[in-house]
Protein backbone atom coordinates (compact mmCIF):
# COMPACT_ATOMS: atom_id res chain seq x y z
CA MET A 1 -87.00 24.77 -40.77
CA GLN A 2 -83.84 24.37 -38.63
CA ALA A 3 -84.51 24.03 -34.91
CA PRO A 4 -82.98 26.80 -32.76
CA LEU A 5 -80.50 26.39 -29.95
CA LEU A 6 -81.81 26.95 -26.45
CA ILE A 7 -79.42 28.98 -24.27
CA VAL A 8 -80.19 28.96 -20.55
CA VAL A 9 -78.59 31.54 -18.23
CA GLY A 10 -79.43 32.49 -14.67
CA THR A 11 -76.55 34.15 -12.80
CA ARG A 12 -74.04 36.96 -13.10
CA PRO A 13 -71.05 34.68 -13.96
CA GLU A 14 -73.07 32.90 -16.63
CA ILE A 15 -73.97 36.18 -18.36
CA ILE A 16 -70.33 37.20 -18.38
CA LYS A 17 -68.99 33.89 -19.66
CA LEU A 18 -71.66 33.21 -22.29
CA THR A 19 -71.55 36.71 -23.79
CA PRO A 20 -68.70 35.82 -26.23
CA VAL A 21 -70.62 32.71 -27.34
CA ILE A 22 -73.82 34.70 -27.89
CA GLU A 23 -71.94 37.39 -29.82
CA TRP A 24 -70.41 34.81 -32.16
CA LEU A 25 -73.70 32.97 -32.63
CA ASP A 26 -75.15 36.29 -33.79
CA ARG A 27 -72.22 36.79 -36.17
CA PHE A 28 -72.66 33.30 -37.58
CA GLY A 29 -76.40 33.85 -37.97
CA VAL A 30 -77.32 30.93 -35.70
CA GLU A 31 -80.90 31.03 -34.43
CA TYR A 32 -81.33 30.63 -30.69
CA VAL A 33 -83.82 31.21 -27.92
CA PHE A 34 -82.36 32.91 -24.84
CA ILE A 35 -83.91 31.91 -21.49
CA TRP A 36 -83.18 33.67 -18.18
CA SER A 37 -83.92 31.43 -15.19
CA GLY A 38 -84.06 34.25 -12.65
CA GLN A 39 -81.70 32.51 -10.19
CA HIS A 40 -80.08 35.94 -9.78
CA TYR A 41 -82.74 38.63 -9.78
CA ASP A 42 -81.12 41.62 -8.07
CA TYR A 43 -80.46 44.42 -10.63
CA LYS A 44 -76.77 44.64 -9.71
CA LEU A 45 -76.35 40.88 -10.19
CA SER A 46 -78.25 40.54 -13.44
CA LYS A 47 -79.90 43.35 -15.43
CA ILE A 48 -76.90 45.67 -15.21
CA PHE A 49 -74.81 43.16 -17.17
CA PHE A 50 -77.28 42.96 -20.05
CA GLU A 51 -76.99 46.73 -20.33
CA GLU A 52 -73.19 46.78 -19.93
CA PHE A 53 -72.55 44.09 -22.56
CA GLU A 54 -75.38 45.31 -24.83
CA ILE A 55 -76.99 41.87 -24.84
CA PRO A 56 -80.65 41.76 -25.95
CA ASP A 57 -83.12 40.97 -23.18
CA PRO A 58 -83.91 37.24 -22.84
CA HIS A 59 -86.77 35.89 -24.92
CA VAL A 60 -88.14 34.14 -21.83
CA ASN A 61 -87.76 34.94 -18.11
CA LEU A 62 -88.66 32.04 -15.81
CA ASN A 63 -88.59 34.33 -12.73
CA ILE A 64 -87.57 31.45 -10.43
CA GLY A 65 -86.15 33.63 -7.65
CA SER A 66 -84.65 32.39 -4.41
CA GLY A 67 -85.25 29.13 -2.55
CA SER A 68 -83.41 26.06 -1.31
CA HIS A 69 -81.24 24.19 -3.80
CA ALA A 70 -83.89 21.50 -4.28
CA GLU A 71 -86.72 24.00 -4.55
CA GLN A 72 -84.88 26.21 -7.04
CA THR A 73 -83.75 23.29 -9.19
CA ALA A 74 -87.19 21.66 -9.21
CA LYS A 75 -88.95 24.88 -10.22
CA MET A 76 -86.46 25.42 -13.02
CA MET A 77 -86.86 21.87 -14.32
CA ILE A 78 -90.64 22.19 -14.45
CA SER A 79 -90.48 25.52 -16.26
CA LEU A 80 -87.69 24.43 -18.62
CA GLU A 81 -89.51 21.25 -19.55
CA LYS A 82 -92.45 23.32 -20.74
CA GLN A 83 -90.18 25.60 -22.77
CA ILE A 84 -88.26 22.70 -24.33
CA LYS A 85 -91.49 21.03 -25.43
CA LYS A 86 -92.74 24.32 -26.84
CA ILE A 87 -89.54 25.46 -28.59
CA LYS A 88 -88.28 22.01 -29.68
CA PRO A 89 -84.61 23.09 -29.75
CA SER A 90 -81.80 21.20 -31.44
CA ILE A 91 -79.42 21.58 -28.46
CA ILE A 92 -79.70 23.04 -24.95
CA VAL A 93 -76.67 25.10 -23.89
CA ALA A 94 -75.68 26.16 -20.35
CA GLU A 95 -72.45 27.29 -18.71
CA GLY A 96 -70.88 26.68 -15.33
CA ASP A 97 -71.98 24.96 -12.14
CA THR A 98 -75.12 26.61 -10.79
CA ASN A 99 -78.61 25.26 -10.08
CA THR A 100 -79.58 26.72 -13.46
CA VAL A 101 -77.01 24.47 -15.14
CA VAL A 102 -77.95 21.24 -13.37
CA ALA A 103 -81.67 21.94 -13.97
CA SER A 104 -80.96 22.56 -17.67
CA SER A 105 -79.02 19.30 -18.01
CA LEU A 106 -81.68 17.21 -16.26
CA ALA A 107 -84.56 18.81 -18.16
CA SER A 108 -82.70 18.27 -21.44
CA LEU A 109 -82.24 14.57 -20.80
CA LYS A 110 -85.81 14.08 -19.61
CA CYS A 111 -87.00 15.71 -22.84
CA GLN A 112 -84.56 13.61 -24.91
CA LYS A 113 -82.60 16.63 -26.15
CA PRO A 114 -78.78 16.90 -26.35
CA PHE A 115 -77.23 19.03 -23.63
CA SER A 116 -74.08 21.07 -24.22
CA HIS A 117 -71.99 22.06 -21.19
CA VAL A 118 -69.71 25.08 -21.48
CA GLU A 119 -66.88 24.97 -18.92
CA ALA A 120 -67.08 21.20 -18.60
CA GLY A 121 -64.60 19.13 -16.62
CA LEU A 122 -63.73 21.49 -13.75
CA ARG A 123 -63.33 19.64 -10.45
CA SER A 124 -62.69 20.83 -6.90
CA TRP A 125 -63.09 17.26 -5.55
CA ASN A 126 -65.24 18.73 -2.77
CA ILE A 127 -68.54 16.86 -2.85
CA THR A 128 -69.90 19.03 0.00
CA MET A 129 -69.82 21.96 -2.41
CA PRO A 130 -73.17 22.41 -4.24
CA GLU A 131 -71.39 23.65 -7.35
CA GLU A 132 -69.26 20.50 -7.51
CA VAL A 133 -72.38 18.33 -7.45
CA ASN A 134 -73.97 20.47 -10.16
CA ARG A 135 -71.00 20.33 -12.50
CA LYS A 136 -70.50 16.57 -12.07
CA VAL A 137 -74.17 15.86 -12.79
CA ALA A 138 -74.14 18.18 -15.80
CA ASP A 139 -71.02 16.52 -17.23
CA ALA A 140 -72.41 13.02 -16.67
CA ILE A 141 -75.46 13.98 -18.71
CA ALA A 142 -73.90 16.21 -21.37
CA THR A 143 -73.70 15.09 -24.97
CA ILE A 144 -71.22 17.86 -25.88
CA HIS A 145 -68.46 18.97 -23.50
CA PHE A 146 -66.68 22.29 -24.00
CA ALA A 147 -63.63 21.95 -21.75
CA PRO A 148 -61.73 25.16 -20.93
CA THR A 149 -58.34 23.60 -20.08
CA ARG A 150 -56.24 20.50 -20.60
CA LEU A 151 -56.80 19.45 -16.98
CA ALA A 152 -60.55 19.69 -17.53
CA VAL A 153 -60.25 17.41 -20.57
CA ILE A 154 -58.32 14.85 -18.53
CA ASN A 155 -60.94 14.96 -15.76
CA LEU A 156 -63.67 14.20 -18.29
CA LEU A 157 -61.72 11.34 -19.84
CA LEU A 158 -60.97 9.83 -16.44
CA GLU A 159 -64.70 9.91 -15.63
CA GLY A 160 -65.51 8.01 -18.79
CA ALA A 161 -66.73 10.76 -21.10
CA SER A 162 -66.36 9.85 -24.75
CA GLN A 163 -63.54 11.69 -26.51
CA LYS A 164 -65.74 12.06 -29.60
CA ASN A 165 -67.57 15.12 -28.27
CA ILE A 166 -65.01 16.69 -25.94
CA TYR A 167 -63.71 20.01 -27.26
CA LEU A 168 -60.75 21.88 -25.79
CA THR A 169 -61.81 25.48 -26.34
CA GLY A 170 -60.16 27.68 -23.73
CA ASN A 171 -62.16 29.66 -21.20
CA THR A 172 -64.50 32.39 -22.40
CA ILE A 173 -63.49 34.58 -19.45
CA VAL A 174 -60.19 35.15 -21.29
CA ASP A 175 -62.21 36.51 -24.23
CA MET A 176 -64.01 38.92 -21.91
CA VAL A 177 -60.96 40.18 -20.03
CA ASN A 178 -59.01 40.65 -23.27
CA LYS A 179 -61.91 42.50 -24.83
CA TYR A 180 -62.25 44.99 -21.97
CA LYS A 181 -58.65 45.20 -20.72
CA SER A 182 -57.72 48.40 -22.57
CA LEU A 183 -61.03 50.05 -21.65
CA ILE A 184 -60.68 49.34 -17.93
CA MET A 185 -57.13 50.71 -17.99
CA GLU A 186 -58.42 53.88 -19.63
CA LYS A 187 -61.13 54.27 -16.99
CA SER A 188 -59.04 53.16 -14.03
CA GLU A 189 -58.30 56.67 -12.81
CA THR A 190 -62.01 57.55 -12.88
CA PHE A 191 -63.11 54.41 -11.06
CA LEU A 192 -60.35 54.66 -8.44
CA SER A 193 -61.08 58.32 -7.73
CA GLU A 194 -64.76 57.52 -7.21
CA TYR A 195 -63.79 55.30 -4.29
CA GLY A 196 -60.82 57.38 -3.12
CA LEU A 197 -58.35 54.58 -3.87
CA ASN A 198 -54.74 54.65 -5.00
CA LYS A 199 -53.36 52.19 -7.54
CA ASN A 200 -51.71 49.09 -6.00
CA ASP A 201 -52.49 50.37 -2.51
CA TYR A 202 -55.63 48.50 -1.43
CA ILE A 203 -57.01 45.01 -0.90
CA LEU A 204 -60.09 43.90 -2.84
CA VAL A 205 -62.44 41.30 -1.33
CA THR A 206 -65.31 39.19 -2.68
CA LEU A 207 -67.14 36.59 -0.58
CA HIS A 208 -70.36 34.77 -1.39
CA ARG A 209 -70.11 30.96 -1.23
CA ALA A 210 -72.51 29.17 1.08
CA GLU A 211 -69.80 27.14 2.82
CA ASN A 212 -68.31 30.43 4.02
CA THR A 213 -71.33 32.65 4.54
CA ASP A 214 -73.55 30.02 6.19
CA SER A 215 -70.93 29.12 8.80
CA PHE A 216 -70.56 31.38 11.85
CA ARG A 217 -67.05 30.02 12.41
CA ARG A 218 -65.83 30.38 8.84
CA LEU A 219 -67.41 33.77 8.21
CA GLY A 220 -66.18 35.04 11.56
CA ASN A 221 -62.61 33.84 10.90
CA ILE A 222 -62.54 35.47 7.46
CA LEU A 223 -63.90 38.77 8.76
CA LYS A 224 -61.38 38.72 11.63
CA ALA A 225 -58.59 38.42 9.05
CA LEU A 226 -60.04 41.33 7.04
CA ALA A 227 -60.31 43.42 10.19
CA GLU A 228 -56.65 42.72 10.99
CA LEU A 229 -55.54 43.56 7.46
CA SER A 230 -57.60 46.77 7.53
CA GLN A 231 -55.27 48.05 10.26
CA GLN A 232 -52.49 48.24 7.66
CA TYR A 233 -54.24 48.50 4.28
CA GLU A 234 -57.33 49.97 2.74
CA VAL A 235 -59.81 47.11 2.28
CA ILE A 236 -62.71 47.46 -0.15
CA PHE A 237 -65.44 44.84 -0.09
CA PRO A 238 -68.23 44.81 -2.76
CA MET A 239 -70.70 42.81 -0.68
CA HIS A 240 -73.10 40.28 -2.20
CA PRO A 241 -76.65 40.83 -0.83
CA ARG A 242 -76.68 37.31 0.62
CA THR A 243 -73.35 37.85 2.38
CA LYS A 244 -74.57 41.16 3.80
CA ASN A 245 -77.68 39.51 5.24
CA LYS A 246 -75.60 36.73 6.82
CA VAL A 247 -73.13 39.15 8.42
CA ILE A 248 -76.01 41.04 10.02
CA LYS A 249 -77.91 37.90 11.03
CA LEU A 250 -74.84 36.30 12.64
CA GLY A 251 -73.92 39.50 14.50
CA LEU A 252 -70.53 39.95 12.81
CA THR A 253 -70.81 43.60 11.72
CA LYS A 254 -68.25 44.62 14.38
CA TYR A 255 -65.47 43.35 12.11
CA LEU A 256 -66.44 45.74 9.30
CA GLN A 257 -65.68 49.00 11.14
CA LYS A 258 -62.58 49.88 9.09
CA ILE A 259 -63.57 47.99 5.93
CA ARG A 260 -65.09 49.83 2.96
CA THR A 261 -68.23 47.86 2.10
CA VAL A 262 -69.95 48.84 -1.17
CA GLU A 263 -72.79 47.55 -3.31
CA PRO A 264 -72.04 44.91 -6.01
CA LEU A 265 -70.21 46.49 -8.95
CA GLY A 266 -70.72 46.43 -12.70
CA TYR A 267 -68.27 44.30 -14.68
CA LEU A 268 -66.03 47.09 -15.99
CA GLU A 269 -65.96 48.78 -12.62
CA PHE A 270 -65.06 45.55 -10.84
CA LEU A 271 -62.36 44.58 -13.38
CA SER A 272 -60.83 48.02 -13.01
CA LEU A 273 -60.64 47.70 -9.21
CA LEU A 274 -59.28 44.15 -9.60
CA ALA A 275 -56.58 45.17 -12.10
CA ASN A 276 -55.30 47.92 -9.81
CA CYS A 277 -55.44 46.29 -6.35
CA SER A 278 -52.46 45.01 -4.36
CA VAL A 279 -54.10 41.63 -3.80
CA VAL A 280 -57.57 40.13 -4.13
CA LEU A 281 -59.15 37.87 -1.49
CA THR A 282 -61.99 35.81 -2.91
CA ASP A 283 -63.96 32.57 -2.80
CA SER A 284 -65.17 33.03 -6.39
CA GLY A 285 -63.99 30.75 -9.18
CA GLY A 286 -64.45 33.47 -11.79
CA VAL A 287 -62.46 36.05 -9.84
CA GLN A 288 -59.60 33.55 -9.49
CA GLU A 289 -59.56 33.29 -13.29
CA GLU A 290 -59.83 37.04 -13.91
CA ALA A 291 -57.05 37.75 -11.41
CA PHE A 292 -54.84 35.10 -13.05
CA ILE A 293 -55.35 36.66 -16.49
CA LEU A 294 -54.57 40.14 -15.13
CA LYS A 295 -51.66 38.77 -13.02
CA VAL A 296 -53.15 40.05 -9.77
CA PRO A 297 -51.87 38.34 -6.57
CA THR A 298 -54.70 36.21 -5.18
CA VAL A 299 -55.65 34.57 -1.89
CA THR A 300 -58.55 32.14 -2.20
CA LEU A 301 -60.76 31.82 0.87
CA ARG A 302 -61.35 28.12 0.25
CA TYR A 303 -59.67 24.80 0.99
CA ASN A 304 -59.78 23.64 -2.64
CA THR A 305 -60.25 25.06 -6.11
CA GLU A 306 -61.56 23.79 -9.43
CA ARG A 307 -59.13 26.23 -11.08
CA PRO A 308 -55.78 24.62 -10.08
CA GLU A 309 -54.07 26.25 -13.07
CA THR A 310 -54.23 29.55 -11.17
CA THR A 311 -52.04 28.12 -8.38
CA ILE A 312 -49.29 26.66 -10.57
CA HIS A 313 -47.09 29.78 -10.64
CA GLY A 314 -47.87 30.84 -7.06
CA LEU A 315 -50.18 33.58 -8.28
CA ASN A 316 -53.06 32.11 -6.26
CA LYS A 317 -52.73 30.78 -2.69
CA LEU A 318 -55.39 28.72 -0.92
CA ALA A 319 -55.97 29.93 2.65
CA GLY A 320 -59.36 28.46 3.55
CA ALA A 321 -61.07 30.18 6.47
CA ASP A 322 -57.99 30.18 8.68
CA THR A 323 -57.54 33.73 10.08
CA GLU A 324 -53.79 33.45 10.60
CA LEU A 325 -53.14 31.86 7.20
CA ILE A 326 -55.31 34.42 5.37
CA VAL A 327 -53.29 37.26 6.86
CA LYS A 328 -49.97 35.49 6.25
CA HIS A 329 -50.72 34.66 2.58
CA THR A 330 -52.12 38.15 1.93
CA LEU A 331 -49.01 39.92 3.24
CA ASN A 332 -46.73 37.51 1.35
CA GLN A 333 -48.66 37.99 -1.89
CA ILE A 334 -48.37 41.76 -1.57
CA LYS A 335 -44.58 41.37 -1.14
CA CYS A 336 -44.47 39.15 -4.26
CA ALA A 337 -46.64 41.46 -6.37
CA GLU A 338 -43.87 42.66 -8.69
CA LYS A 339 -42.64 39.13 -9.29
CA ILE A 340 -46.19 37.95 -9.99
CA LYS A 341 -46.78 40.81 -12.44
CA SER A 342 -43.71 39.68 -14.43
CA LEU A 343 -44.73 36.01 -14.65
CA ASN A 344 -45.20 34.39 -18.04
CA THR A 345 -48.40 32.42 -17.43
CA GLY A 346 -48.88 31.50 -21.10
CA ASP A 347 -52.33 30.45 -22.23
CA LEU A 348 -53.17 28.03 -19.42
CA LEU A 349 -56.75 29.31 -19.38
CA GLY A 350 -57.11 29.96 -23.10
CA ASP A 351 -56.07 32.27 -25.92
CA GLY A 352 -59.11 34.54 -26.10
CA HIS A 353 -60.99 32.78 -28.92
CA ALA A 354 -63.12 30.34 -26.92
CA GLY A 355 -66.43 32.02 -27.74
CA GLU A 356 -65.78 31.78 -31.45
CA ARG A 357 -64.79 28.11 -31.22
CA ILE A 358 -67.83 27.15 -29.16
CA ALA A 359 -70.24 29.06 -31.42
CA LYS A 360 -68.71 27.48 -34.54
CA ILE A 361 -69.08 23.95 -33.14
CA LEU A 362 -72.68 24.63 -32.03
CA LYS A 363 -73.43 25.97 -35.51
CA GLU A 364 -72.06 22.81 -37.13
CA PHE A 365 -74.02 20.53 -34.81
CA SER A 366 -77.24 22.48 -35.28
CA GLU A 367 -76.86 22.27 -39.07
CA LYS A 368 -75.96 18.61 -39.37
CA GLY A 369 -78.12 17.53 -36.44
CA ILE A 370 -77.32 15.62 -33.27
CA VAL A 371 -79.59 13.21 -31.41
CA LEU A 372 -79.43 11.03 -28.33
CA GLU A 373 -78.88 7.45 -29.46
CA GLU A 374 -79.74 4.16 -27.80
CA PRO A 375 -76.72 1.79 -27.85
CA ASP A 376 -77.16 -1.58 -29.53
CA LEU A 377 -75.57 -4.09 -27.13
CA ARG A 378 -77.35 -7.23 -28.34
CA GLU A 379 -74.07 -8.88 -29.29
CA THR A 380 -72.12 -7.55 -26.28
CA PRO A 381 -74.66 -7.00 -23.48
CA VAL A 382 -72.08 -6.85 -20.68
CA VAL A 383 -70.08 -3.62 -20.43
CA THR A 384 -66.49 -4.54 -19.50
CA TYR A 385 -63.15 -2.87 -19.03
CA THR A 386 -60.12 -4.52 -20.53
CA LEU A 387 -56.48 -4.00 -21.43
CA LEU A 388 -55.80 -3.80 -25.15
CA GLU A 389 -52.65 -5.10 -26.72
CA ASN A 390 -50.46 -2.78 -28.76
CA GLY A 391 -51.63 -2.52 -32.31
CA MET A 392 -55.22 -3.53 -31.59
CA ASP A 393 -57.86 -1.25 -32.97
CA PRO A 394 -60.29 -0.57 -30.10
CA ASN A 395 -62.90 0.77 -32.47
CA ALA A 396 -63.16 -2.64 -34.10
CA ILE A 397 -64.64 -3.97 -30.88
CA PHE A 398 -65.87 -1.00 -28.88
CA GLU A 399 -65.04 2.58 -28.11
CA ALA A 400 -61.95 2.96 -25.92
CA VAL A 401 -62.32 5.97 -23.69
CA ILE A 402 -58.80 6.35 -22.34
CA GLY A 403 -55.47 4.65 -21.81
CA PHE A 404 -52.38 5.49 -19.74
CA ASP A 405 -48.66 5.58 -20.36
CA ARG A 406 -45.91 4.58 -17.86
CA LYS A 407 -45.98 8.06 -16.32
CA GLY A 408 -49.69 7.79 -15.62
CA GLU A 409 -50.57 10.28 -18.34
CA PRO A 410 -53.66 9.64 -20.49
CA CYS A 411 -52.42 8.13 -23.74
CA SER A 412 -53.61 6.55 -26.93
CA LEU A 413 -54.17 2.93 -27.87
CA SER A 414 -54.39 3.58 -31.59
CA GLU A 415 -53.34 6.19 -34.11
CA GLY A 416 -56.58 8.10 -33.52
CA TYR A 417 -55.94 8.27 -29.81
CA GLN A 418 -52.36 9.41 -30.35
CA MET A 419 -53.82 12.32 -32.28
CA LEU A 420 -56.20 12.94 -29.38
CA LEU A 421 -53.41 13.20 -26.81
CA ALA A 422 -51.34 15.41 -29.11
CA ARG A 423 -54.23 17.81 -29.41
CA ILE A 424 -54.72 17.92 -25.65
CA ARG A 425 -51.03 18.71 -25.17
CA THR A 426 -50.96 21.44 -27.79
CA SER A 427 -52.68 24.63 -26.83
CA TYR A 428 -55.79 25.91 -28.57
CA ASP A 429 -54.96 25.63 -32.25
CA LYS A 430 -57.89 23.34 -33.06
CA ASN A 431 -61.59 23.47 -32.35
CA SER A 432 -62.03 19.79 -31.72
CA LEU A 433 -60.01 17.10 -30.07
CA ASN A 434 -61.03 14.63 -32.75
CA SER A 435 -61.21 16.68 -35.93
CA GLU A 436 -58.53 16.81 -38.56
């Protein structure tokens, strides 16, 4: 009997981004066990999305709940280890950069099971960011990397990941936005009227990251900017429960007097408000992507981003927690809205078929089998790095991970690696970087 996949999900973004993969696994008839970690447990951050996307309830709910990063991750690892030993899956699959993801990767390795990371290779280069730590650990451990963009592939190669199991798939968020784009446009009038909003005449805000909400200075600066903007524009702010608690605890509610704060929204409702706003202010990685796909002017309330593709055409501006810069960028982005709407952004984030690609690759691996292997270094016990001469076949001696051309671009050292680079540079025509 073929061992099932084990899919681990625990937060709102993970539900959204893994839905296309789950749908295609069902179409392909791939057996899997769906585990919910319980990292998000509020109805509006979890259960509502299962209902909205018509996803079956998870087979297992770990009910981890809140806690410090260490506490949450440790509880998940203990619970996941038990499930992995019980289910004996062929591959463990997780998506993103949360505590659920890093716990899944560590538990997989400890149980000697291959780990597959969806959205591998994203880097903000900010090691003080918990999500950056999570994604780097997950990628270091992963056996299979599903990279959403060319830049993500390059990051993985530069960190020494083997090209053999790196797959350039596109981002599944493109699948989701494309799937629901026509529906949200149809329902836009209804959603906007519910909140008394006019199309392209309001500012949408999301704010939840710890580096912003845990800092009195940062949170205060951001709210000051929102308060200033609310003097000129309607500002609507679906507030994360954690953010709401921090605003109250830090005594910053005075800045919300003219700001419309509402409960977290369902996916279709949120996408509709996003598609019709003048500009979105956010510290969310997913919202940066969704806004880029919908060509919505964006101001990111962070000093760095793991989605640099969104900044290439000026669609997304990084403002950090600087009150003056937030206001300046927001007003400029509103002025540039028409230009941004007309941009040809191509398929920098994907072509809308990532879920199918990922599911197909997982199906192939589950059928043919994949195991963690111990390297045999008896003849070459010292791992070294060396320059290879032109024409040398690196595979005759060892596996070459990456080379560079005169421009500093990753390049090949053999015919196989030339094919690799060509596939990175092309868009999303192939499933695998190393398949014919």
